[in-house]
PDB file of N, CA and C in Angstrom:
ATOM      1  N   MET A   1      29.623  -1.068-141.302  1.00  0.00           N
ATOM      2  CA  MET A   1      31.027   0.013-141.556  1.00  0.00           C
ATOM      3  C   MET A   1      31.973  -1.250-141.769  1.00  0.00           C
ATOM      4  N   ARG A   2      33.091  -0.393-142.822  1.00  0.00           N
ATOM      5  CA  ARG A   2      34.240  -0.704-143.033  1.00  0.00           C
ATOM      6  C   ARG A   2      35.230  -1.030-141.944  1.00  0.00           C
ATOM      7  N   GLU A   3      36.439  -2.139-142.798  1.00  0.00           N
ATOM      8  CA  GLU A   3      36.971  -2.342-140.877  1.00  0.00           C
ATOM      9  C   GLU A   3      37.933  -1.621-140.735  1.00  0.00           C
ATOM     10  N   ASP A   4      38.467  -0.671-141.607  1.00  0.00           N
ATOM     11  CA  ASP A   4      39.180   0.219-141.798  1.00  0.00           C
ATOM     12  C   ASP A   4      38.932   1.642-140.528  1.00  0.00           C
ATOM     13  N   ARG A   5      37.975   1.882-141.036  1.00  0.00           N
ATOM     14  CA  ARG A   5      36.468   2.921-139.798  1.00  0.00           C
ATOM     15  C   ARG A   5      36.078   2.485-138.075  1.00  0.00           C
ATOM     16  N   GLN A   6      35.552   2.724-137.791  1.00  0.00           N
ATOM     17  CA  GLN A   6      34.891   2.936-136.714  1.00  0.00           C
ATOM     18  C   GLN A   6      34.002   4.392-136.136  1.00  0.00           C
ATOM     19  N   ARG A   7      32.517   3.722-134.866  1.00  0.00           N
ATOM     20  CA  ARG A   7      31.942   4.182-134.588  1.00  0.00           C
ATOM     21  C   ARG A   7      32.621   5.779-133.777  1.00  0.00           C
ATOM     22  N   LEU A   8      31.897   6.785-133.848  1.00  0.00           N
ATOM     23  CA  LEU A   8      32.656   7.320-133.011  1.00  0.00           C
ATOM     24  C   LEU A   8      32.825   7.187-131.282  1.00  0.00           C
ATOM     25  N   ASP A   9      31.434   7.167-130.866  1.00  0.00           N
ATOM     26  CA  ASP A   9      30.924   7.081-129.482  1.00  0.00           C
ATOM     27  C   ASP A   9      32.173   5.525-128.934  1.00  0.00           C
ATOM     28  N   LYS A  10      32.045   4.684-130.035  1.00  0.00           N
ATOM     29  CA  LYS A  10      32.696   3.765-129.794  1.00  0.00           C
ATOM     30  C   LYS A  10      34.030   3.776-129.498  1.00  0.00           C
ATOM     31  N   TRP A  11      34.693   4.637-130.569  1.00  0.00           N
ATOM     32  CA  TRP A  11      36.712   5.266-130.488  1.00  0.00           C
ATOM     33  C   TRP A  11      36.717   6.113-129.464  1.00  0.00           C
ATOM     34  N   LEU A  12      35.519   6.947-128.808  1.00  0.00           N
ATOM     35  CA  LEU A  12      35.501   7.246-127.083  1.00  0.00           C
ATOM     36  C   LEU A  12      35.846   6.466-126.550  1.00  0.00           C
ATOM     37  N   TRP A  13      34.999   5.665-126.863  1.00  0.00           N
ATOM     38  CA  TRP A  13      34.469   4.720-125.218  1.00  0.00           C
ATOM     39  C   TRP A  13      36.030   3.808-125.338  1.00  0.00           C
ATOM     40  N   PHE A  14      36.749   3.383-126.245  1.00  0.00           N
ATOM     41  CA  PHE A  14      37.389   2.900-126.062  1.00  0.00           C
ATOM     42  C   PHE A  14      39.188   3.391-125.961  1.00  0.00           C
ATOM     43  N   ALA A  15      39.075   4.882-125.924  1.00  0.00           N
ATOM     44  CA  ALA A  15      39.954   6.021-125.655  1.00  0.00           C
ATOM     45  C   ALA A  15      39.942   6.027-123.896  1.00  0.00           C
ATOM     46  N   ARG A  16      39.157   6.037-123.538  1.00  0.00           N
ATOM     47  CA  ARG A  16      38.540   6.341-122.249  1.00  0.00           C
ATOM     48  C   ARG A  16      38.660   7.293-122.629  1.00  0.00           C
ATOM     49  N   PHE A  17      37.736   8.519-123.571  1.00  0.00           N
ATOM     50  CA  PHE A  17      37.103   9.569-123.401  1.00  0.00           C
ATOM     51  C   PHE A  17      36.063   9.262-122.608  1.00  0.00           C
ATOM     52  N   ALA A  18      34.996   8.459-122.325  1.00  0.00           N
ATOM     53  CA  ALA A  18      34.381   8.428-121.617  1.00  0.00           C
ATOM     54  C   ALA A  18      34.462   7.070-120.931  1.00  0.00           C
ATOM     55  N   LYS A  19      33.194   7.308-119.758  1.00  0.00           N
ATOM     56  CA  LYS A  19      32.593   6.132-118.928  1.00  0.00           C
ATOM     57  C   LYS A  19      32.258   4.938-119.230  1.00  0.00           C
ATOM     58  N   THR A  20      31.234   5.543-120.103  1.00  0.00           N
ATOM     59  CA  THR A  20      30.687   4.377-120.210  1.00  0.00           C
ATOM     60  C   THR A  20      30.149   4.522-122.219  1.00  0.00           C
ATOM     61  N   ARG A  21      29.996   4.054-122.828  1.00  0.00           N
ATOM     62  CA  ARG A  21      29.337   4.146-124.635  1.00  0.00           C
ATOM     63  C   ARG A  21      28.108   5.155-124.535  1.00  0.00           C
ATOM     64  N   THR A  22      27.495   5.042-123.865  1.00  0.00           N
ATOM     65  CA  THR A  22      26.293   6.061-123.804  1.00  0.00           C
ATOM     66  C   THR A  22      26.642   7.168-123.700  1.00  0.00           C
ATOM     67  N   LEU A  23      27.642   7.530-122.386  1.00  0.00           N
ATOM     68  CA  LEU A  23      28.262   8.896-122.101  1.00  0.00           C
ATOM     69  C   LEU A  23      29.279   9.301-123.807  1.00  0.00           C
ATOM     70  N   ALA A  24      29.418   8.364-123.617  1.00  0.00           N
ATOM     71  CA  ALA A  24      30.451   9.399-125.047  1.00  0.00           C
ATOM     72  C   ALA A  24      29.119   9.696-126.410  1.00  0.00           C
ATOM     73  N   ALA A  25      28.130   8.708-126.533  1.00  0.00           N
ATOM     74  CA  ALA A  25      27.367   9.057-127.500  1.00  0.00           C
ATOM     75  C   ALA A  25      26.429  10.247-126.796  1.00  0.00           C
ATOM     76  N   LYS A  26      25.992  10.418-126.414  1.00  0.00           N
ATOM     77  CA  LYS A  26      25.646  11.626-125.598  1.00  0.00           C
ATOM     78  C   LYS A  26      26.599  12.810-125.566  1.00  0.00           C
ATOM     79  N   LEU A  27      27.683  12.815-125.397  1.00  0.00           N
ATOM     80  CA  LEU A  27      28.728  14.012-125.626  1.00  0.00           C
ATOM     81  C   LEU A  27      28.794  14.303-127.300  1.00  0.00           C
ATOM     82  N   VAL A  28      28.681  12.955-127.655  1.00  0.00           N
ATOM     83  CA  VAL A  28      28.916  13.569-129.555  1.00  0.00           C
ATOM     84  C   VAL A  28      27.591  14.063-129.256  1.00  0.00           C
ATOM     85  N   ALA A  29      26.707  13.608-128.932  1.00  0.00           N
ATOM     86  CA  ALA A  29      25.080  14.193-128.851  1.00  0.00           C
ATOM     87  C   ALA A  29      24.757  15.504-129.169  1.00  0.00           C
ATOM     88  N   SER A  30      25.208  15.990-127.974  1.00  0.00           N
ATOM     89  CA  SER A  30      25.058  17.278-127.709  1.00  0.00           C
ATOM     90  C   SER A  30      26.048  18.604-128.145  1.00  0.00           C
ATOM     91  N   GLY A  31      26.793  17.623-128.571  1.00  0.00           N
ATOM     92  CA  GLY A  31      27.643  18.323-130.067  1.00  0.00           C
ATOM     93  C   GLY A  31      29.120  19.297-129.119  1.00  0.00           C
ATOM     94  N   PHE A  32      29.383  18.385-128.243  1.00  0.00           N
ATOM     95  CA  PHE A  32      30.916  18.718-127.800  1.00  0.00           C
ATOM     96  C   PHE A  32      31.644  18.411-128.576  1.00  0.00           C
ATOM     97  N   VAL A  33      31.961  17.659-129.529  1.00  0.00           N
ATOM     98  CA  VAL A  33      33.202  17.271-130.696  1.00  0.00           C
ATOM     99  C   VAL A  33      33.026  17.553-131.778  1.00  0.00           C
ATOM    100  N   ARG A  34      34.400  17.677-132.400  1.00  0.00           N
ATOM    101  CA  ARG A  34      33.639  18.031-133.643  1.00  0.00           C
ATOM    102  C   ARG A  34      35.239  16.851-134.663  1.00  0.00           C
ATOM    103  N   LEU A  35      34.948  16.534-135.473  1.00  0.00           N
ATOM    104  CA  LEU A  35      35.908  15.850-137.066  1.00  0.00           C
ATOM    105  C   LEU A  35      36.186  16.260-137.564  1.00  0.00           C
ATOM    106  N   ASN A  36      37.486  16.146-137.786  1.00  0.00           N
ATOM    107  CA  ASN A  36      38.424  16.882-138.207  1.00  0.00           C
ATOM    108  C   ASN A  36      37.929  18.104-139.231  1.00  0.00           C
ATOM    109  N   GLY A  37      37.420  19.315-137.736  1.00  0.00           N
ATOM    110  CA  GLY A  37      37.108  20.667-138.181  1.00  0.00           C
ATOM    111  C   GLY A  37      35.339  20.815-138.681  1.00  0.00           C
ATOM    112  N   GLN A  38      34.662  20.012-138.156  1.00  0.00           N
ATOM    113  CA  GLN A  38      33.372  19.567-138.788  1.00  0.00           C
ATOM    114  C   GLN A  38      32.843  19.573-137.345  1.00  0.00           C
ATOM    115  N   ARG A  39      32.151  20.034-137.152  1.00  0.00           N
ATOM    116  CA  ARG A  39      30.275  19.386-135.656  1.00  0.00           C
ATOM    117  C   ARG A  39      29.853  18.508-136.684  1.00  0.00           C
ATOM    118  N   THR A  40      29.736  17.346-135.252  1.00  0.00           N
ATOM    119  CA  THR A  40      29.332  16.683-135.743  1.00  0.00           C
ATOM    120  C   THR A  40      28.644  16.725-134.288  1.00  0.00           C
ATOM    121  N   ASP A  41      26.977  15.864-134.740  1.00  0.00           N
ATOM    122  CA  ASP A  41      25.994  15.519-133.655  1.00  0.00           C
ATOM    123  C   ASP A  41      25.464  13.986-133.417  1.00  0.00           C
ATOM    124  N   ASN A  42      26.345  13.264-134.601  1.00  0.00           N
ATOM    125  CA  ASN A  42      26.119  12.371-135.453  1.00  0.00           C
ATOM    126  C   ASN A  42      27.263  10.961-134.528  1.00  0.00           C
ATOM    127  N   PRO A  43      26.517  10.005-133.498  1.00  0.00           N
ATOM    128  CA  PRO A  43      27.991   9.084-132.364  1.00  0.00           C
ATOM    129  C   PRO A  43      28.212   8.490-133.683  1.00  0.00           C
ATOM    130  N   ALA A  44      27.743   7.630-134.926  1.00  0.00           N
ATOM    131  CA  ALA A  44      28.047   6.622-135.375  1.00  0.00           C
ATOM    132  C   ALA A  44      28.594   7.332-136.918  1.00  0.00           C
ATOM    133  N   LYS A  45      29.239   8.056-136.552  1.00  0.00           N
ATOM    134  CA  LYS A  45      30.163   8.857-137.555  1.00  0.00           C
ATOM    135  C   LYS A  45      31.361   8.130-137.824  1.00  0.00           C
ATOM    136  N   ALA A  46      31.415   7.339-138.850  1.00  0.00           N
ATOM    137  CA  ALA A  46      33.059   7.172-138.854  1.00  0.00           C
ATOM    138  C   ALA A  46      34.524   8.031-138.532  1.00  0.00           C
ATOM    139  N   VAL A  47      34.919   7.017-137.645  1.00  0.00           N
ATOM    140  CA  VAL A  47      36.453   7.421-137.568  1.00  0.00           C
ATOM    141  C   VAL A  47      37.261   6.588-137.940  1.00  0.00           C
ATOM    142  N   ALA A  48      38.760   7.616-138.997  1.00  0.00           N
ATOM    143  CA  ALA A  48      39.387   6.378-139.399  1.00  0.00           C
ATOM    144  C   ALA A  48      41.295   7.082-138.471  1.00  0.00           C
ATOM    145  N   VAL A  49      42.097   6.063-138.862  1.00  0.00           N
ATOM    146  CA  VAL A  49      43.474   6.385-138.617  1.00  0.00           C
ATOM    147  C   VAL A  49      43.295   7.608-139.385  1.00  0.00           C
ATOM    148  N   GLY A  50      44.605   8.750-138.778  1.00  0.00           N
ATOM    149  CA  GLY A  50      44.625   9.591-138.963  1.00  0.00           C
ATOM    150  C   GLY A  50      43.550  11.181-138.620  1.00  0.00           C
ATOM    151  N   ASP A  51      42.354  10.698-138.300  1.00  0.00           N
ATOM    152  CA  ASP A  51      41.953  12.029-138.466  1.00  0.00           C
ATOM    153  C   ASP A  51      42.089  12.636-136.728  1.00  0.00           C
ATOM    154  N   VAL A  52      41.366  13.693-136.716  1.00  0.00           N
ATOM    155  CA  VAL A  52      41.538  14.448-135.709  1.00  0.00           C
ATOM    156  C   VAL A  52      40.209  14.938-135.141  1.00  0.00           C
ATOM    157  N   ILE A  53      39.753  14.156-133.851  1.00  0.00           N
ATOM    158  CA  ILE A  53      38.616  15.405-132.862  1.00  0.00           C
ATOM    159  C   ILE A  53      39.073  15.424-131.709  1.00  0.00           C
ATOM    160  N   THR A  54      38.418  16.863-132.035  1.00  0.00           N
ATOM    161  CA  THR A  54      38.175  17.515-131.338  1.00  0.00           C
ATOM    162  C   THR A  54      37.386  17.925-130.097  1.00  0.00           C
ATOM    163  N   ILE A  55      37.653  17.492-128.543  1.00  0.00           N
ATOM    164  CA  ILE A  55      36.659  17.281-127.304  1.00  0.00           C
ATOM    165  C   ILE A  55      36.730  18.799-126.310  1.00  0.00           C
ATOM    166  N   ALA A  56      35.520  19.400-126.619  1.00  0.00           N
ATOM    167  CA  ALA A  56      35.222  20.012-125.590  1.00  0.00           C
ATOM    168  C   ALA A  56      34.776  19.917-124.008  1.00  0.00           C
ATOM    169  N   LEU A  57      34.834  19.876-123.364  1.00  0.00           N
ATOM    170  CA  LEU A  57      35.074  19.240-121.894  1.00  0.00           C
ATOM    171  C   LEU A  57      35.014  20.546-121.147  1.00  0.00           C
ATOM    172  N   ALA A  58      34.806  20.770-120.008  1.00  0.00           N
ATOM    173  CA  ALA A  58      34.305  21.423-119.119  1.00  0.00           C
ATOM    174  C   ALA A  58      34.833  22.644-118.691  1.00  0.00           C
ATOM    175  N   ARG A  59      36.840  22.060-118.815  1.00  0.00           N
ATOM    176  CA  ARG A  59      37.213  22.876-117.762  1.00  0.00           C
ATOM    177  C   ARG A  59      38.926  22.504-119.169  1.00  0.00           C
ATOM    178  N   ALA A  60      38.877  21.884-120.163  1.00  0.00           N
ATOM    179  CA  ALA A  60      39.863  22.008-121.212  1.00  0.00           C
ATOM    180  C   ALA A  60      38.923  21.556-122.518  1.00  0.00           C
ATOM    181  N   THR A  61      39.870  21.574-123.381  1.00  0.00           N
ATOM    182  CA  THR A  61      39.815  21.449-125.035  1.00  0.00           C
ATOM    183  C   THR A  61      40.181  20.951-125.729  1.00  0.00           C
ATOM    184  N   LEU A  62      40.430  19.274-125.602  1.00  0.00           N
ATOM    185  CA  LEU A  62      41.630  18.638-126.138  1.00  0.00           C
ATOM    186  C   LEU A  62      41.078  18.084-127.515  1.00  0.00           C
ATOM    187  N   VAL A  63      42.749  18.092-127.807  1.00  0.00           N
ATOM    188  CA  VAL A  63      42.919  17.727-129.823  1.00  0.00           C
ATOM    189  C   VAL A  63      43.647  16.529-129.900  1.00  0.00           C
ATOM    190  N   ILE A  64      42.516  15.849-130.146  1.00  0.00           N
ATOM    191  CA  ILE A  64      43.845  14.144-130.820  1.00  0.00           C
ATOM    192  C   ILE A  64      43.615  13.967-131.647  1.00  0.00           C
ATOM    193  N   ARG A  65      44.226  12.919-132.188  1.00  0.00           N
ATOM    194  CA  ARG A  65      44.746  12.268-134.182  1.00  0.00           C
ATOM    195  C   ARG A  65      44.972  11.438-133.628  1.00  0.00           C
ATOM    196  N   VAL A  66      44.002  10.680-133.736  1.00  0.00           N
ATOM    197  CA  VAL A  66      43.290   8.845-134.285  1.00  0.00           C
ATOM    198  C   VAL A  66      44.304   8.483-134.627  1.00  0.00           C
ATOM    199  N   GLU A  67      45.295   7.296-134.131  1.00  0.00           N
ATOM    200  CA  GLU A  67      46.308   6.832-134.331  1.00  0.00           C
ATOM    201  C   GLU A  67      46.447   4.968-134.706  1.00  0.00           C
ATOM    202  N   GLY A  68      44.860   4.484-134.139  1.00  0.00           N
ATOM    203  CA  GLY A  68      44.821   3.448-133.957  1.00  0.00           C
ATOM    204  C   GLY A  68      42.888   2.996-133.506  1.00  0.00           C
ATOM    205  N   LEU A  69      42.102   2.120-133.781  1.00  0.00           N
ATOM    206  CA  LEU A  69      41.561   1.558-133.936  1.00  0.00           C
ATOM    207  C   LEU A  69      40.913   0.532-132.618  1.00  0.00           C
ATOM    208  N   GLY A  70      40.424   1.139-131.764  1.00  0.00           N
ATOM    209  CA  GLY A  70      40.195   0.271-130.893  1.00  0.00           C
ATOM    210  C   GLY A  70      39.462  -1.663-130.628  1.00  0.00           C
ATOM    211  N   GLU A  71      39.848  -2.481-130.548  1.00  0.00           N
ATOM    212  CA  GLU A  71      39.249  -3.887-130.804  1.00  0.00           C
ATOM    213  C   GLU A  71      38.770  -3.953-129.240  1.00  0.00           C
ATOM    214  N   ARG A  72      39.101  -3.343-127.721  1.00  0.00           N
ATOM    215  CA  ARG A  72      38.080  -3.966-126.908  1.00  0.00           C
ATOM    216  C   ARG A  72      38.359  -2.185-125.448  1.00  0.00           C
ATOM    217  N   ARG A  73      38.212  -1.717-124.565  1.00  0.00           N
ATOM    218  CA  ARG A  73      38.091  -0.998-123.834  1.00  0.00           C
ATOM    219  C   ARG A  73      39.030  -1.520-122.335  1.00  0.00           C
ATOM    220  N   GLY A  74      40.209  -1.101-122.741  1.00  0.00           N
ATOM    221  CA  GLY A  74      41.485  -1.722-122.209  1.00  0.00           C
ATOM    222  C   GLY A  74      42.007  -1.146-120.904  1.00  0.00           C
ATOM    223  N   PRO A  75      42.816  -1.590-120.521  1.00  0.00           N
ATOM    224  CA  PRO A  75      43.429  -0.397-119.154  1.00  0.00           C
ATOM    225  C   PRO A  75      44.010   0.930-120.326  1.00  0.00           C
ATOM    226  N   ALA A  76      44.223   2.163-119.479  1.00  0.00           N
ATOM    227  CA  ALA A  76      44.525   3.404-119.581  1.00  0.00           C
ATOM    228  C   ALA A  76      45.744   3.097-120.445  1.00  0.00           C
ATOM    229  N   PRO A  77      47.021   2.747-120.611  1.00  0.00           N
ATOM    230  CA  PRO A  77      48.239   2.584-121.201  1.00  0.00           C
ATOM    231  C   PRO A  77      47.897   1.995-122.864  1.00  0.00           C
ATOM    232  N   GLU A  78      46.855   1.113-122.873  1.00  0.00           N
ATOM    233  CA  GLU A  78      46.293   0.144-123.670  1.00  0.00           C
ATOM    234  C   GLU A  78      45.532   1.586-124.746  1.00  0.00           C
ATOM    235  N   ALA A  79      45.098   2.174-123.922  1.00  0.00           N
ATOM    236  CA  ALA A  79      43.756   3.192-125.030  1.00  0.00           C
ATOM    237  C   ALA A  79      44.556   4.315-125.691  1.00  0.00           C
ATOM    238  N   ARG A  80      45.424   5.043-124.713  1.00  0.00           N
ATOM    239  CA  ARG A  80      46.640   6.263-125.032  1.00  0.00           C
ATOM    240  C   ARG A  80      47.644   5.192-125.622  1.00  0.00           C
ATOM    241  N   GLN A  81      47.430   4.788-126.429  1.00  0.00           N
ATOM    242  CA  GLN A  81      48.161   4.405-128.245  1.00  0.00           C
ATOM    243  C   GLN A  81      47.147   4.718-128.886  1.00  0.00           C
ATOM    244  N   LEU A  82      45.918   4.737-128.001  1.00  0.00           N
ATOM    245  CA  LEU A  82      44.607   4.403-129.450  1.00  0.00           C
ATOM    246  C   LEU A  82      45.338   5.718-130.332  1.00  0.00           C
ATOM    247  N   TYR A  83      45.723   7.580-129.945  1.00  0.00           N
ATOM    248  CA  TYR A  83      45.392   8.503-130.426  1.00  0.00           C
ATOM    249  C   TYR A  83      47.354   9.058-129.704  1.00  0.00           C
ATOM    250  N   LEU A  84      46.998  10.544-130.594  1.00  0.00           N
ATOM    251  CA  LEU A  84      48.182  11.344-129.841  1.00  0.00           C
ATOM    252  C   LEU A  84      47.793  12.451-129.570  1.00  0.00           C
ATOM    253  N   ASP A  85      47.875  12.727-128.594  1.00  0.00           N
ATOM    254  CA  ASP A  85      47.600  14.854-127.727  1.00  0.00           C
ATOM    255  C   ASP A  85      48.181  15.914-128.847  1.00  0.00           C
ATOM    256  N   LEU A  86      47.459  16.452-129.819  1.00  0.00           N
ATOM    257  CA  LEU A  86      48.025  17.665-130.363  1.00  0.00           C
ATOM    258  C   LEU A  86      47.528  18.342-129.711  1.00  0.00           C
ATOM    259  N   SER A  87      46.473  18.670-128.474  1.00  0.00           N
ATOM    260  CA  SER A  87      47.041  19.901-126.962  1.00  0.00           C
ATOM    261  C   SER A  87      47.860  20.833-126.909  1.00  0.00           C
ATOM    262  N   GLN A  88      49.056  19.447-126.428  1.00  0.00           N
ATOM    263  CA  GLN A  88      49.835  19.573-125.462  1.00  0.00           C
ATOM    264  C   GLN A  88      50.614  20.182-126.810  1.00  0.00           C
ATOM    265  N   ASP A  89      50.688  20.277-127.882  1.00  0.00           N
ATOM    266  CA  ASP A  89      51.639  21.058-129.087  1.00  0.00           C
ATOM    267  C   ASP A  89      51.460  22.210-128.606  1.00  0.00           C
ATOM    268  N   ASN A  90      50.110  23.110-128.733  1.00  0.00           N
ATOM    269  CA  ASN A  90      49.610  23.869-129.093  1.00  0.00           C
ATOM    270  C   ASN A  90      50.344  25.193-128.440  1.00  0.00           C
ATOM    271  N   ALA A  91      50.855  25.036-127.105  1.00  0.00           N
ATOM    272  CA  ALA A  91      52.131  25.847-126.994  1.00  0.00           C
ATOM    273  C   ALA A  91      53.610  26.617-126.992  1.00  0.00           C
ATOM    274  N   ALA A  92      53.182  25.530-128.341  1.00  0.00           N
ATOM    275  CA  ALA A  92      55.139  25.449-129.329  1.00  0.00           C
ATOM    276  C   ALA A  92      54.370  27.215-130.456  1.00  0.00           C
ATOM    277  N   LEU A  93      53.145  26.641-130.710  1.00  0.00           N
ATOM    278  CA  LEU A  93      51.949  27.907-131.842  1.00  0.00           C
ATOM    279  C   LEU A  93      52.463  29.135-131.136  1.00  0.00           C
ATOM    280  N   VAL A  94      52.594  29.141-129.606  1.00  0.00           N
ATOM    281  CA  VAL A  94      52.364  30.315-129.510  1.00  0.00           C
ATOM    282  C   VAL A  94      53.541  31.239-129.454  1.00  0.00           C
ATOM    283  N   SER A  95      54.112  32.648-129.884  1.00  0.00           N
ATOM    284  CA  SER A  95      55.591  32.554-130.198  1.00  0.00           C
ATOM    285  C   SER A  95      55.549  33.860-128.655  1.00  0.00           C
ATOM    286  N   ASP A  96      56.512  33.820-128.715  1.00  0.00           N
ATOM    287  CA  ASP A  96      57.075  34.122-126.853  1.00  0.00           C
ATOM    288  C   ASP A  96      56.510  36.037-127.153  1.00  0.00           C
ATOM    289  N   GLY A  97      57.030  36.739-125.956  1.00  0.00           N
ATOM    290  CA  GLY A  97      56.603  38.126-125.978  1.00  0.00           C
ATOM    291  C   GLY A  97      57.924  38.881-126.217  1.00  0.00           C
ATOM    292  N   ASP A  98      59.142  38.305-125.923  1.00  0.00           N
ATOM    293  CA  ASP A  98      60.458  38.582-126.649  1.00  0.00           C
ATOM    294  C   ASP A  98      60.823  38.655-128.033  1.00  0.00           C
ATOM    295  N   ASN A  99      60.030  38.138-128.949  1.00  0.00           N
ATOM    296  CA  ASN A  99      60.188  37.452-130.595  1.00  0.00           C
ATOM    297  C   ASN A  99      59.183  38.765-131.203  1.00  0.00           C
ATOM    298  N   GLY A 100      58.055  39.779-130.193  1.00  0.00           N
ATOM    299  CA  GLY A 100      57.521  40.752-131.040  1.00  0.00           C
ATOM    300  C   GLY A 100      56.311  40.506-131.688  1.00  0.00           C
TER     301      GLY A 100
END
């Protein structure tokens, strides 16, 4: 794989969206992950900086943009630097009831 890309399951594990890499691979293989809007069931799918990943979890759907590729599974503050959470910005897209 190219240096500017990383396996999806490995990236999810580095970014702490799964406790183990095996669980990350199962999450992808089960169809709960989209990469740039396309459903993928291939844990080896390549991820690059700028890609948007959607993860459907039991009680939430996360939309994140890849900001960096990890080199290790480090502490949580280090993992948070690998992505930008776009799902928090969705509230700004919903219009107020007052605006019609």
